[in-house]
Protein backbone atom coordinates (compact mmCIF):
# COMPACT_ATOMS: atom_id res chain seq x y z
CA ILE A 1 -24.50 5.93 -17.70
CA ARG A 2 -22.78 8.24 -20.11
CA ARG A 3 -20.96 11.50 -20.58
CA PRO A 4 -21.77 14.00 -23.33
CA ASN A 5 -20.48 12.82 -26.72
CA HIS A 6 -19.31 9.52 -25.26
CA TYR A 7 -20.44 5.95 -25.57
CA PRO A 8 -22.37 4.73 -22.50
CA ASP A 9 -20.36 2.93 -19.80
CA GLY A 10 -23.30 0.81 -18.74
CA VAL A 11 -26.95 0.66 -17.59
CA VAL A 12 -28.64 0.89 -14.24
CA THR A 13 -32.38 -0.06 -14.08
CA ILE A 14 -35.08 -1.12 -11.64
CA GLU A 15 -36.83 -4.06 -13.25
CA SER A 16 -39.95 -6.01 -12.44
CA ASN A 17 -39.80 -9.78 -12.56
CA ASP A 18 -43.29 -11.18 -12.46
CA ALA A 19 -44.52 -14.75 -12.38
CA THR A 20 -44.28 -15.15 -16.14
CA ALA A 21 -40.49 -14.43 -16.04
CA LYS A 22 -41.04 -11.29 -18.09
CA ILE A 23 -38.57 -8.55 -17.14
CA ASP A 24 -39.68 -4.94 -17.67
CA PRO A 25 -38.15 -1.72 -16.36
CA ILE A 26 -40.45 0.30 -14.14
CA GLU A 27 -42.00 3.62 -15.27
CA THR A 28 -41.56 6.71 -13.12
CA THR A 29 -42.24 10.40 -13.34
CA VAL A 30 -38.94 12.26 -13.31
CA ASN A 31 -37.84 15.72 -12.34
CA TYR A 32 -34.37 16.46 -13.70
CA LEU A 33 -32.38 18.85 -11.43
CA GLU A 34 -29.24 20.02 -13.22
CA ASP A 35 -27.99 22.48 -10.62
CA GLY A 36 -28.22 21.57 -6.99
CA PRO A 37 -26.29 21.80 -3.75
CA SER A 38 -23.50 19.38 -2.97
CA MET A 39 -24.39 16.08 -1.33
CA PHE A 40 -22.16 14.52 1.25
CA VAL A 41 -21.66 10.75 1.53
CA PRO A 42 -20.12 9.45 4.80
CA ILE A 43 -17.87 6.45 4.09
CA ASN A 44 -16.43 6.16 7.61
CA ALA A 45 -16.51 7.96 10.94
CA ALA A 46 -13.99 10.58 9.89
CA THR A 47 -14.50 11.01 6.13
CA SER A 48 -17.43 12.32 4.09
CA ILE A 49 -16.99 12.72 0.31
CA GLU A 50 -18.65 15.55 -1.51
CA ILE A 51 -20.51 14.73 -4.77
CA THR A 52 -21.97 17.09 -7.34
CA GLY A 53 -23.48 16.49 -10.69
CA LYS A 54 -26.91 15.63 -12.02
CA ARG A 55 -29.89 14.85 -9.79
CA TYR A 56 -33.03 12.89 -10.72
CA LEU A 57 -36.10 12.83 -8.57
CA HIS A 58 -38.33 9.78 -9.47
CA GLY A 59 -41.92 9.21 -8.43
CA TRP A 60 -42.83 5.52 -8.64
CA ILE A 61 -46.40 4.32 -8.35
CA GLN A 62 -46.97 0.59 -7.92
CA HIS A 63 -50.49 -0.85 -8.47
CA LYS A 64 -51.59 -3.89 -6.52
CA PHE A 65 -54.85 -5.74 -6.85
CA GLU A 66 -55.85 -8.36 -4.27
CA SER A 67 -56.28 -11.39 -6.44
CA SER A 68 -56.83 -14.98 -5.64
CA LEU A 69 -56.40 -18.13 -7.74
CA PRO A 70 -58.65 -21.21 -7.64
CA GLY A 71 -58.16 -23.25 -4.49
CA GLY A 72 -57.58 -20.25 -2.27
CA HIS A 73 -54.06 -19.54 -3.53
CA VAL A 74 -52.97 -15.91 -3.62
CA MET A 75 -51.69 -14.65 -6.93
CA PRO A 76 -47.96 -13.78 -6.63
CA ILE A 77 -47.03 -10.12 -6.71
CA SER A 78 -44.30 -8.91 -8.98
CA ASP A 79 -40.94 -8.57 -7.31
CA TYR A 80 -38.36 -5.96 -8.28
CA LYS A 81 -34.62 -5.87 -8.55
CA LEU A 82 -31.97 -3.24 -9.23
CA THR A 83 -29.79 -4.31 -12.18
CA ALA A 84 -26.48 -2.70 -13.08
CA ARG A 85 -24.49 -3.75 -16.21
CA ALA A 86 -21.07 -2.52 -17.23
CA ARG A 87 -19.76 -2.72 -20.79
CA GLN A 88 -16.37 -4.12 -21.88
CA PHE A 89 -13.42 -1.95 -20.74
CA SER A 90 -15.83 0.31 -18.83
CA CYS A 91 -16.05 0.91 -15.14
CA PHE A 92 -18.29 2.69 -12.65
CA LEU A 93 -19.30 2.51 -9.00
CA VAL A 94 -22.84 2.08 -7.70
CA MET A 95 -24.08 2.93 -4.23
CA THR A 96 -27.52 2.36 -2.78
CA GLY A 97 -28.92 3.82 0.38
CA THR A 98 -31.24 6.46 1.71
CA ILE A 99 -31.37 10.29 1.69
CA SER A 100 -30.90 10.95 5.43
CA GLY A 101 -30.79 14.78 5.30
CA PRO A 102 -31.21 17.77 3.04
CA ASN A 103 -27.69 17.33 1.74
CA GLU A 104 -26.62 13.87 2.94
CA PHE A 105 -26.82 10.50 1.25
CA THR A 106 -26.23 7.52 3.58
CA PRO A 107 -24.99 4.51 1.57
CA ARG A 108 -25.97 1.03 2.64
CA ASP A 109 -24.30 -0.96 -0.11
CA ALA A 110 -21.64 -0.25 -2.72
CA ILE A 111 -19.97 -2.21 -5.51
CA VAL A 112 -17.53 -1.53 -8.32
CA LEU A 113 -18.51 -2.83 -11.79
CA GLN A 114 -16.19 -3.22 -14.73
CA ASN A 115 -15.59 -5.32 -17.83
CA LYS A 116 -19.10 -6.67 -18.54
CA ASP A 117 -19.93 -7.24 -14.87
CA GLU A 118 -23.68 -7.52 -14.18
CA VAL A 119 -25.14 -7.43 -10.66
CA MET A 120 -28.79 -8.12 -9.73
CA ILE A 121 -29.90 -6.69 -6.39
CA PRO A 122 -33.42 -7.78 -5.15
CA LEU A 123 -35.46 -4.98 -3.66
CA LEU A 124 -37.65 -5.35 -0.57
CA LEU A 125 -40.79 -3.15 -0.49
CA ASN A 126 -42.25 -2.36 2.91
CA GLU A 127 -45.63 -0.69 2.78
CA LEU A 128 -46.55 1.75 5.52
CA PRO A 129 -50.12 2.37 6.72
CA THR A 130 -52.11 4.98 4.81
CA ALA A 131 -52.54 8.49 6.17
CA LYS A 132 -56.17 7.77 7.15
CA GLU A 133 -55.30 4.46 8.82
CA PHE A 134 -52.58 6.11 10.84
CA LYS A 135 -54.88 9.00 11.86
CA ASP A 136 -57.55 6.54 13.03
CA ALA A 137 -55.06 4.42 14.91
CA ILE A 138 -53.70 7.26 17.05
CA SER A 139 -57.04 9.02 17.65
CA SER A 140 -57.58 7.30 20.98
CA LEU A 141 -54.05 8.02 22.30
CA SER A 142 -53.03 10.79 24.66
CA PRO A 143 -51.55 14.01 23.21
CA GLU A 144 -48.02 12.94 24.25
CA GLN A 145 -48.43 9.53 22.67
CA GLN A 146 -49.81 11.09 19.50
CA GLN A 147 -46.84 13.37 19.29
CA PHE A 148 -44.47 10.42 19.65
CA ALA A 149 -46.38 8.40 17.01
CA LYS A 150 -46.34 11.34 14.59
CA ALA A 151 -42.60 11.84 15.09
CA PHE A 152 -41.99 8.15 14.55
CA ARG A 153 -44.08 8.17 11.35
CA GLY A 154 -42.17 11.22 10.19
CA MET A 155 -38.89 9.31 10.54
CA GLN A 156 -40.41 6.38 8.69
CA LEU A 157 -41.46 8.64 5.83
CA GLU A 158 -37.99 10.19 5.68
CA SER A 159 -36.41 6.73 5.52
CA SER A 160 -38.54 5.90 2.48
CA VAL A 161 -36.45 8.16 0.20
CA PHE A 162 -34.36 5.57 -1.66
CA GLY A 163 -31.19 6.69 -3.45
CA VAL A 164 -28.95 5.19 -6.13
CA CYS A 165 -25.65 7.01 -6.79
CA VAL A 166 -23.59 6.22 -9.85
CA ILE A 167 -19.99 7.45 -10.04
CA GLN A 168 -17.99 7.26 -13.30
CA LEU A 169 -14.41 6.37 -12.46
CA LYS A 170 -12.40 7.50 -15.48
CA PRO A 171 -13.25 11.20 -15.18
CA GLN A 172 -12.52 11.19 -11.49
CA LEU A 173 -9.21 9.39 -12.06
CA GLU A 174 -8.21 12.12 -14.44
CA VAL A 175 -9.02 14.83 -11.98
CA LEU A 176 -7.18 12.94 -9.20
CA LEU A 177 -4.02 12.35 -11.23
CA GLY A 178 -3.88 15.85 -12.70
CA LEU A 179 -4.64 14.78 -16.24
CA PRO A 180 -6.82 16.70 -18.72
CA PRO A 181 -10.30 15.42 -19.63
CA ASP A 182 -10.49 12.27 -21.73
CA ALA A 183 -6.80 11.54 -21.12
CA LEU A 184 -7.70 7.98 -20.00
CA LEU A 185 -10.35 7.47 -22.67
CA LYS A 186 -8.16 5.09 -24.74
CA GLU A 187 -5.67 4.11 -22.06
CA ILE A 188 -7.32 0.76 -21.22
CA ARG A 189 -4.34 -0.95 -19.66
CA LEU A 190 -3.39 2.11 -17.62
CA THR A 191 -6.96 2.42 -16.30
CA GLN A 192 -6.96 -1.23 -15.26
CA ASP A 193 -3.67 -0.94 -13.48
CA LEU A 194 -4.78 2.23 -11.65
CA LEU A 195 -7.98 0.55 -10.42
CA SER A 196 -5.97 -2.47 -9.29
CA LEU A 197 -3.49 -0.31 -7.33
CA PHE A 198 -6.24 1.66 -5.62
CA ILE A 199 -8.58 -1.25 -4.89
CA ASP A 200 -6.25 -4.26 -4.29
CA TYR A 201 -3.18 -2.51 -2.82
CA GLN A 202 -4.59 0.88 -1.63
CA ILE A 203 -1.65 2.84 -2.97
CA PRO A 204 -1.74 6.60 -2.11
CA SER A 205 -2.56 8.71 -5.14
CA ASP A 206 0.40 11.01 -4.46
CA LEU A 207 2.69 8.25 -5.71
CA LEU A 208 0.86 8.08 -9.09
CA SER A 209 -0.32 11.63 -9.91
CA PHE A 210 1.38 13.93 -12.39
CA ASP A 211 3.49 16.52 -10.65
CA GLY A 212 5.16 18.31 -13.55
CA GLU A 213 4.41 21.57 -15.35
CA ARG A 214 0.70 22.31 -15.85
CA ASP A 215 1.23 23.38 -19.43
CA ALA A 216 2.91 20.11 -20.47
CA LEU A 217 1.56 18.19 -23.39
CA LEU A 218 -1.05 15.52 -22.96
CA ALA A 219 1.31 12.77 -24.08
CA GLU A 220 3.91 13.89 -21.53
CA LYS A 221 1.42 13.86 -18.64
CA VAL A 222 0.15 10.40 -19.53
CA ALA A 223 3.69 9.09 -20.00
CA ALA A 224 4.67 10.44 -16.56
CA VAL A 225 1.71 8.73 -14.91
CA LYS A 226 2.63 5.49 -16.73
CA GLU A 227 6.12 5.70 -15.33
CA HIS A 228 4.80 6.22 -11.84
CA VAL A 229 2.47 3.23 -12.23
CA LYS A 230 5.28 1.10 -13.66
CA ALA A 231 7.56 1.99 -10.70
CA VAL A 232 4.90 1.05 -8.12
CA MET A 233 4.09 -2.15 -10.01
CA ASN A 234 7.81 -3.05 -9.98
CA VAL A 235 7.88 -2.61 -6.24
CA ILE A 236 4.88 -4.86 -5.88
CA ASP A 237 6.36 -7.46 -8.17
CA ASP A 238 9.62 -7.41 -6.26
CA ALA A 239 7.74 -7.80 -2.99
CA LYS A 240 5.82 -10.72 -4.41
CA LYS A 241 9.01 -12.37 -5.69
CA LYS A 242 10.61 -11.83 -2.26
CA GLN A 243 7.70 -13.50 -0.58
CA LEU A 244 7.84 -16.44 -3.04
CA ASP A 245 11.56 -16.84 -2.43
CA GLU A 246 11.04 -16.82 1.28
CA ALA A 247 8.28 -19.41 1.05
CA GLU A 248 10.48 -21.51 -1.25
CA LYS A 249 13.40 -21.42 1.20
CA LYS A 250 11.10 -22.27 4.06
CA ALA A 251 9.72 -25.26 2.15
CA GLU A 252 13.20 -26.47 1.35
CA MET A 253 14.26 -26.13 4.98
CA ASN A 254 11.24 -28.16 6.08
CA VAL A 255 12.21 -30.92 3.65
CA TYR A 256 15.82 -30.86 4.79
CA LYS A 257 14.76 -31.02 8.42
CA HIS A 258 12.44 -33.94 7.76
CA VAL A 259 15.18 -35.89 6.02
CA ALA A 260 17.83 -35.14 8.61
CA ASP A 261 15.66 -35.73 11.65
CA ALA A 262 14.25 -39.11 10.77
CA GLU A 263 16.22 -41.35 8.33
CA VAL A 264 15.22 -44.94 8.82
CA CYS A 265 16.89 -48.11 7.57
CA ASP A 266 15.08 -50.80 5.67
CA ASP A 267 14.61 -52.84 8.82
CA GLY A 268 12.90 -49.90 10.57
CA ARG A 269 15.64 -49.15 13.09
CA GLU A 270 16.98 -45.66 13.50
CA THR A 271 20.73 -45.41 12.94
CA SER A 272 23.48 -43.35 14.46
CA PRO A 273 26.17 -41.45 12.60
CA ALA A 274 28.73 -44.11 13.48
CA ALA A 275 26.88 -46.73 11.46
CA PHE A 276 27.51 -44.76 8.35
CA GLY A 277 31.18 -44.02 8.99
CA GLY A 278 30.92 -40.80 10.95
CA PRO A 279 29.25 -37.43 10.56
CA ALA A 280 30.73 -36.51 7.22
CA ARG A 281 29.59 -39.74 5.55
CA MET A 282 26.20 -39.44 7.25
CA MET A 283 25.80 -35.88 5.94
CA LYS A 284 26.62 -37.03 2.37
CA LYS A 285 24.20 -39.91 2.62
CA SER A 286 21.40 -37.68 3.92
CA MET A 287 21.95 -35.14 1.16
CA ALA A 288 21.93 -37.80 -1.48
CA PHE A 289 18.71 -39.21 -0.06
CA ALA A 290 17.11 -35.74 -0.09
CA SER A 291 18.16 -35.15 -3.67
CA ALA A 292 16.73 -38.52 -4.80
CA ALA A 293 13.55 -38.27 -2.78
CA VAL A 294 12.67 -34.73 -3.84
CA PRO A 295 13.61 -34.28 -7.50
CA THR A 296 11.00 -31.64 -8.17
CA ARG A 297 11.09 -28.01 -7.10
CA ALA A 298 9.14 -26.46 -4.33
CA PHE A 299 7.49 -23.23 -5.69
CA GLY A 300 9.19 -23.76 -9.04
CA SER A 301 12.86 -24.52 -8.13
CA THR A 302 14.80 -27.79 -7.82
CA LEU A 303 16.59 -28.73 -4.63
CA SER A 304 20.25 -28.34 -5.19
CA THR A 305 23.07 -30.02 -3.25
CA PRO A 306 25.23 -26.89 -2.97
CA MET A 307 22.40 -25.06 -1.26
CA MET A 308 21.90 -27.72 1.27
CA ALA A 309 25.64 -28.26 1.77
CA SER A 310 26.03 -24.60 2.55
CA ALA A 311 24.02 -25.10 5.77
CA PRO A 312 26.29 -26.18 8.65
CA MET A 313 25.51 -29.52 10.29
CA HIS A 314 26.72 -30.74 13.70
CA PHE A 315 26.05 -34.10 15.18
CA HIS A 316 25.91 -35.45 18.69
CA GLU A 317 25.03 -38.92 19.88
CA GLU A 318 22.35 -39.78 22.39
CA GLY A 319 22.30 -43.53 22.54
CA ASN A 320 21.41 -44.72 19.02
CA LYS A 321 19.82 -41.43 17.97
CA PHE A 322 21.22 -38.36 16.27
CA SER A 323 19.93 -34.90 15.60
CA PRO A 324 21.31 -32.08 13.49
CA ALA A 325 21.89 -28.75 15.09
CA THR A 326 19.04 -27.11 13.27
CA ARG A 327 18.30 -24.57 15.94
CA SER A 328 20.50 -21.97 14.21
CA LEU A 329 18.76 -22.66 10.90
CA GLN A 330 15.33 -22.27 12.47
CA MET A 331 16.31 -18.94 13.87
CA GLN A 332 17.07 -17.74 10.32
CA VAL A 333 13.74 -18.84 8.83
CA PRO A 334 11.88 -15.78 7.44
CA PRO A 335 8.49 -14.82 8.76
CA GLU A 336 5.21 -16.25 7.36
CA SER A 337 4.44 -15.26 3.78
CA THR A 338 0.90 -14.42 4.75
CA GLN A 339 1.87 -11.39 6.81
CA GLN A 340 0.30 -8.00 6.12
CA PHE A 341 1.37 -6.83 2.65
CA ASP A 342 1.63 -3.23 3.60
CA ALA A 343 4.94 -3.85 5.47
CA ASP A 344 6.68 -4.54 2.14
CA PHE A 345 6.10 -0.98 0.91
CA ASP A 346 7.98 1.00 3.48
CA SER A 347 10.41 2.09 0.72
CA ALA A 348 7.61 3.19 -1.53
CA GLY A 349 5.70 5.33 0.91
CA LYS A 350 3.24 5.23 3.75
CA SER A 351 0.69 2.46 3.93
CA ALA A 352 -2.97 3.14 3.10
CA SER A 353 -4.06 3.23 6.74
CA GLN A 354 -1.29 5.71 7.66
CA TYR A 355 -2.21 7.75 4.58
CA ARG A 356 -5.77 8.06 5.65
CA GLU A 357 -4.87 8.90 9.26
CA SER A 358 -2.59 11.71 8.04
CA TYR A 359 -5.58 13.63 6.72
CA THR A 360 -7.85 15.61 8.95
CA SER A 361 -11.57 15.42 8.68
CA THR A 362 -11.90 18.98 7.41
CA SER A 363 -14.39 18.03 4.68
CA HIS A 364 -16.52 16.25 7.26
CA ALA A 365 -16.37 19.22 9.58
CA LYS A 366 -17.58 21.53 6.84
CA GLN A 367 -20.67 19.35 6.45
CA VAL A 368 -21.59 19.42 10.15
CA GLY A 369 -24.42 21.84 10.76
CA ARG A 370 -25.02 22.39 7.05
CA THR A 371 -28.75 21.54 6.91
CA SER A 372 -30.15 24.59 5.14
CA LEU A 373 -30.63 24.66 1.40
CA PRO A 374 -30.41 27.54 -1.06
CA PRO A 375 -33.79 29.02 -2.16
CA GLY A 376 -35.43 27.17 -5.03
CA THR A 377 -33.86 23.80 -4.28
CA ILE A 378 -35.76 20.65 -3.36
CA ASP A 379 -35.37 18.92 -0.05
CA PHE A 380 -35.75 15.27 -0.95
CA THR A 381 -36.56 14.24 2.64
CA ALA A 382 -39.62 16.54 2.61
CA ILE A 383 -41.21 14.88 -0.43
CA PRO A 384 -42.84 11.95 1.44
CA LYS A 385 -44.33 14.25 4.03
CA GLN A 386 -45.82 16.45 1.29
CA LEU A 387 -47.29 13.35 -0.36
CA ASP A 388 -48.66 12.11 2.93
CA SER A 389 -50.48 15.35 3.59
CA LYS A 390 -51.99 15.34 0.07
CA PHE A 391 -53.04 11.73 0.41
CA GLU A 392 -54.72 12.51 3.74
CA ALA A 393 -56.72 15.31 2.05
CA HIS A 394 -57.62 13.62 -1.24
CA ASP A 395 -57.37 9.83 -0.74
CA THR A 396 -60.90 9.13 0.28
CA ASP A 397 -60.54 5.37 -0.33
CA SER A 398 -57.49 5.07 1.98
CA ALA A 399 -55.63 3.13 -0.78
CA LEU A 400 -52.29 4.93 -1.07
CA ARG A 401 -49.51 3.54 1.02
CA PRO A 402 -46.03 5.06 1.29
CA THR A 403 -43.42 2.39 0.48
CA ILE A 404 -39.95 1.92 1.85
CA ILE A 405 -37.38 0.40 -0.55
CA LYS A 406 -34.46 -1.63 0.78
CA THR A 407 -31.95 -3.97 -0.75
CA ASP A 408 -31.92 -7.71 0.05
CA SER A 409 -29.02 -9.43 1.71
CA THR A 410 -28.33 -11.83 -1.18
CA TRP A 411 -27.33 -10.65 -4.64
CA SER A 412 -26.48 -12.31 -7.93
CA ARG A 413 -23.51 -11.41 -10.10
CA LEU A 414 -22.62 -12.31 -13.64
CA ARG A 415 -18.89 -12.05 -14.25
CA GLN A 416 -16.58 -13.08 -17.04
CA GLU A 417 -13.17 -13.79 -15.53
CA ASN A 418 -11.30 -13.38 -18.83
CA LEU A 419 -12.00 -13.04 -22.54
CA LEU A 420 -11.52 -16.78 -23.17
CA THR A 421 -14.21 -17.99 -20.77
CA LYS A 422 -17.97 -17.56 -20.58
CA ALA A 423 -19.65 -15.46 -17.97
CA GLN A 424 -20.44 -17.31 -14.78
CA LYS A 425 -23.33 -16.48 -12.45
CA SER A 426 -22.58 -16.51 -8.72
CA SER A 427 -24.35 -15.58 -5.51
CA LEU A 428 -23.13 -12.80 -3.16
CA GLY A 429 -23.97 -13.40 0.52
CA PRO A 430 -23.68 -10.89 3.37
CA GLU A 431 -19.89 -11.43 3.75
CA GLU A 432 -19.22 -10.98 0.00
CA ILE A 433 -21.42 -7.87 -0.11
CA LYS A 434 -19.52 -6.43 2.86
CA SER A 435 -16.23 -7.15 1.09
CA GLU A 436 -17.42 -5.42 -2.05
CA LYS A 437 -18.58 -2.44 -0.03
CA SER A 438 -15.14 -2.15 1.62
CA LYS A 439 -13.41 -2.23 -1.75
CA ALA A 440 -15.70 0.45 -3.12
CA PHE A 441 -15.16 2.67 -0.11
CA ASP A 442 -11.43 2.25 -0.30
CA LEU A 443 -11.60 3.36 -3.91
CA LEU A 444 -13.77 6.36 -2.99
CA ASP A 445 -11.36 7.32 -0.27
CA ALA A 446 -8.53 7.29 -2.84
CA LEU A 447 -10.50 9.12 -5.56
CA SER A 448 -11.52 11.90 -3.14
CA ARG A 449 -8.17 12.13 -1.26
CA SER A 450 -10.05 11.24 1.92
CA GLY A 451 -12.79 13.74 1.29
CA SER A 452 -10.70 16.75 0.27
CA LEU A 453 -11.44 16.40 -3.52
CA PRO A 454 -15.07 16.70 -4.64
CA ILE A 455 -16.47 14.11 -7.07
CA ALA A 456 -18.21 15.88 -9.93
CA CYS A 457 -18.83 12.89 -12.24
CA ALA A 458 -21.68 11.50 -10.18
CA GLU A 459 -25.41 10.99 -10.80
CA LEU A 460 -27.88 10.72 -7.96
CA HIS A 461 -31.24 9.03 -8.58
CA VAL A 462 -33.76 9.64 -5.78
CA VAL A 463 -36.82 7.31 -5.81
CA VAL A 464 -40.01 7.98 -3.79
CA ALA A 465 -42.39 5.00 -4.02
CA VAL A 466 -46.12 4.75 -3.34
CA THR A 467 -48.30 1.61 -3.61
CA HIS A 468 -51.89 1.99 -4.79
CA CYS A 469 -53.71 -0.94 -3.15
CA PHE A 470 -57.13 -2.18 -4.40
CA GLU A 471 -59.11 -4.35 -2.02
CA LYS A 472 -60.38 -6.64 -4.85
CA ASP A 473 -59.17 -7.78 -8.25
CA VAL A 474 -59.88 -5.80 -11.40
CA MET A 475 -63.19 -7.42 -12.32
CA ASN A 476 -64.63 -7.22 -8.81
CA THR A 477 -63.46 -3.66 -8.45
CA VAL A 478 -65.37 -2.66 -11.61
CA ILE A 479 -68.49 -4.88 -11.10
CA GLN A 480 -69.00 -5.20 -7.39
CA ASP A 481 -67.66 -1.90 -6.20
CA ASN A 482 -68.70 -0.01 -9.31
CA VAL A 483 -65.38 1.79 -9.34
CA ASN A 484 -63.29 2.79 -12.39
CA PRO A 485 -59.70 1.88 -11.39
CA ILE A 486 -58.26 3.92 -14.26
CA GLU A 487 -59.72 7.15 -12.81
CA LYS A 488 -58.32 6.26 -9.39
CA VAL A 489 -54.91 5.67 -10.83
CA GLU A 490 -55.10 8.96 -12.78
CA LYS A 491 -55.81 10.82 -9.53
CA THR A 492 -52.88 9.17 -7.85
CA MET A 493 -50.59 10.11 -10.77
CA LEU A 494 -51.73 13.70 -10.59
CA LEU A 495 -51.02 13.85 -6.84
CA MET A 496 -47.57 12.24 -7.28
CA THR A 497 -46.47 14.13 -10.40
CA SER A 498 -47.52 17.52 -9.17
CA THR A 499 -45.46 16.94 -5.98
CA ILE A 500 -42.45 15.61 -7.83
CA GLN A 501 -42.50 18.43 -10.44
CA ASN A 502 -43.56 21.04 -7.94
CA VAL A 503 -46.32 22.37 -10.20
CA PRO A 504 -50.13 22.61 -10.00
CA PRO A 505 -52.04 19.54 -11.30
CA SER A 506 -53.76 21.53 -14.04
CA THR A 507 -50.48 22.20 -15.85
CA LEU A 508 -49.92 18.51 -16.27
CA LEU A 509 -52.99 17.90 -18.45
CA ALA A 510 -52.57 17.50 -22.19
CA ASP A 511 -55.66 19.48 -23.41
CA GLU A 512 -58.88 21.10 -22.41
CA VAL A 513 -60.84 17.91 -22.88
CA GLN A 514 -58.83 16.02 -20.37
CA SER A 515 -58.86 19.03 -18.05
CA ALA A 516 -62.64 19.26 -18.13
CA ARG A 517 -63.09 15.52 -17.59
CA LEU A 518 -60.70 15.27 -14.59
CA THR A 519 -61.93 18.50 -13.08
CA GLN A 520 -65.43 17.07 -13.05
CA SER A 521 -64.18 13.81 -11.57
CA PHE A 522 -61.93 15.34 -8.89
CA PRO A 523 -63.22 18.88 -8.15
CA ALA A 524 -61.51 19.05 -4.75
CA LEU A 525 -58.10 18.44 -6.30
CA PHE A 526 -58.33 21.34 -8.70
CA ALA A 527 -60.19 23.66 -6.33
CA GLU A 528 -56.97 24.24 -4.35
CA GLU A 529 -55.51 26.10 -7.31
CA GLU A 530 -58.23 28.77 -7.33
């Protein structure tokens, strides 16, 4: 994950983790698409963000031999995981999902990584029937049933296009705030504060962006943004202090009420004000008892006698009991400190929810009905169908299975809370994953101004997977079936790579020797070019 002439912000890989605990990245055939149409990413019912940038189309072939260990145990198959690592003082956003249309990426999960975060996402591989198996299975059905089955398989093939979108946050922050490129490159503290304001407090970007002259110096623009950030941070600090003061006062009132409501003598009998010489003496005695019993400070402050004396007290007798007139004090108790934090920012601007509602879904409306692509571009959703038709024509062994890639519901994350502690590994369940997705979508909503600002600093990796299944292990495939598995894999690679690169298979061969050998082995594959 890098920009030209910049140090990488991190790494995103798909790694295999086999039974020997050896971790290796997978190998794919890649078609780099520098210029392509915009992709739209829906983050809620009313907002779709527009992303541009580099596109990578990957063709992944997984080989699987049916092997058995002594005793009838099946040899474990390698599992795979998506790993994303961020470097120190770097940040980026990762989304995983499927390509659901010619120009639409539907995210399923999303997470923000920064400051040496590392997340491991297990991948689930679901193999579909081969083209020959599917054709044989529906041969006995009626024409209407066959049409339904073919339409359903088509939807399955379209859902097998797995996507990983990586968005670099610093360049987009610069565009959002009206700063020139690389303005935040060395502003580490400012970048951290901006991410905190957008993710934790969902502050509207209008309160932080530079609104001065366009031809101002770089230092002036950065200084102006720093002043805006400082002002908002001061509002947040004041609101936090206010909440702490309110909670402190409430705690002190609770202590005062407890002391005044139930003061018991040594013999266990409740006393009346008259036993202590009247209300005034009773008030002094209660205050003295409260000061002696609670010498420490709730939320960091010591209980003081003047503060308690300032509260009016009235007594009335009911037999041998007394009760202070605390009803007026209870009416003045502030609301709970756990109330919604957005209410404390009325002076600073609209809340995040009001800010999002004020925008119209114009960017989403522009996407509706936009399903055609410019000439020369690749429709990612059509790749699995093209492969399926080629497999049906050339896969005589019925061994190639389209594979759907999905993410598991339990992740692992390695995070270092601060520079003085070691990184700790934790597990992310469905609730934590949902929370991380909400944070990432809130950040995307802020970075794109609710879909009105395109995101250009994005990379989209599209993965189309196929599993080559052998019925036996390697030795039995060679000896019993008299089959060369290397040739079979070479044929599969030619079918996959020619489709991914959109070129004839003959152009992929290194020299004439290889061309003559493979042409003799697979004459039907090369006969289509003539």
